[in-house]
Protein backbone atom coordinates (compact mmCIF):
# COMPACT_ATOMS: atom_id res chain seq x y z
CA MET A 1 105.60 84.35 105.13
CA ASN A 2 103.67 84.62 102.01
CA ILE A 3 100.19 85.81 101.29
CA TYR A 4 97.78 83.40 99.71
CA GLU A 5 94.16 83.87 98.23
CA ILE A 6 91.97 81.00 99.31
CA TYR A 7 89.32 79.74 96.96
CA ILE A 8 86.51 77.28 97.86
CA ASP A 9 84.50 75.74 95.03
CA GLY A 10 86.12 78.20 92.62
CA ASP A 11 85.00 81.28 94.56
CA PHE A 12 87.29 83.69 96.47
CA TYR A 13 86.93 83.15 100.21
CA ASP A 14 89.73 84.92 102.05
CA GLU A 15 93.41 86.02 102.04
CA VAL A 16 95.77 84.44 104.61
CA GLU A 17 99.43 84.70 105.57
CA ALA A 18 101.17 81.35 105.56
CA VAL A 19 104.48 79.63 104.90
CA ASP A 20 103.08 77.73 101.89
CA SER A 21 99.71 76.90 100.20
CA ALA A 22 99.25 73.78 102.29
CA ASP A 23 99.49 75.83 105.50
CA ALA A 24 97.17 78.52 104.04
CA CYS A 25 94.54 75.78 103.21
CA ARG A 26 95.01 74.11 106.63
CA GLN A 27 94.33 77.39 108.36
CA VAL A 28 90.97 77.84 106.61
CA PHE A 29 90.18 74.19 106.91
CA ASP A 30 90.60 74.28 110.64
CA ARG A 31 88.68 77.59 110.88
CA LEU A 32 85.63 76.08 109.14
CA ASP A 33 85.93 72.76 111.06
CA GLY A 34 86.48 70.88 107.84
CA GLN A 35 83.07 71.93 106.36
CA VAL A 36 84.45 73.05 103.00
CA GLY A 37 84.13 72.01 99.47
CA GLU A 38 87.07 71.97 96.99
CA MET A 39 89.71 74.28 98.25
CA HIS A 40 92.87 75.67 96.80
CA ALA A 41 95.33 78.45 97.53
CA GLU A 42 96.93 80.87 95.00
CA LEU A 43 100.08 82.69 95.77
CA VAL A 44 99.56 86.53 95.62
CA GLU A 45 101.83 88.19 93.10
CA GLY A 46 105.15 89.28 94.68
CA SER A 47 105.39 86.40 97.12
CA GLU A 48 107.68 83.55 96.78
CA GLU A 49 107.13 80.76 94.10
CA PRO A 50 105.29 77.61 95.32
CA GLY A 51 106.99 74.39 95.88
CA ILE A 52 105.96 70.76 96.06
CA CYS A 53 103.14 69.95 98.41
CA PRO A 54 104.59 68.23 101.55
CA ALA A 55 101.25 66.27 102.18
CA CYS A 56 101.07 64.52 98.81
CA ASN A 57 104.64 64.93 97.67
CA GLY A 58 103.47 66.78 94.57
CA SER A 59 101.10 63.96 93.27
CA GLY A 60 97.86 65.88 94.17
CA GLU A 61 96.43 62.45 95.20
CA GLY A 62 94.51 62.03 98.43
CA GLN A 63 94.74 59.25 101.00
CA HIS A 64 91.95 57.28 99.37
CA GLU A 65 91.71 56.05 95.72
CA GLY A 66 90.32 58.68 93.51
CA SER A 67 90.43 61.51 96.03
CA ARG A 68 92.43 64.80 95.83
CA CYS A 69 95.02 65.97 98.40
CA HIS A 70 93.17 68.04 101.05
CA TYR A 71 96.00 70.28 101.64
CA CYS A 72 96.81 71.50 97.96
CA GLY A 73 93.42 70.63 96.52
CA GLY A 74 95.01 68.28 93.91
CA TRP A 75 97.41 70.88 92.58
CA GLY A 76 100.51 69.20 93.90
CA GLU A 77 102.02 72.48 94.83
CA ALA A 78 102.44 74.07 98.19
């Protein structure tokens, strides 16, 4: 497990333990019942390096035209 800092609308929100950034964002997203703004996770120093987001396959694109991936926040990294 890695430790990720979660940011919502650019502000620090919480620190969670997760397999990847997509899992970290998913945990917070579920906890807040989806009532969040733009969210992304940053790997805490000393944890493993991030990989490609499994939800968007690294593109950062969401399911609808012009939207961002809700797991990685448009970063394309997990």
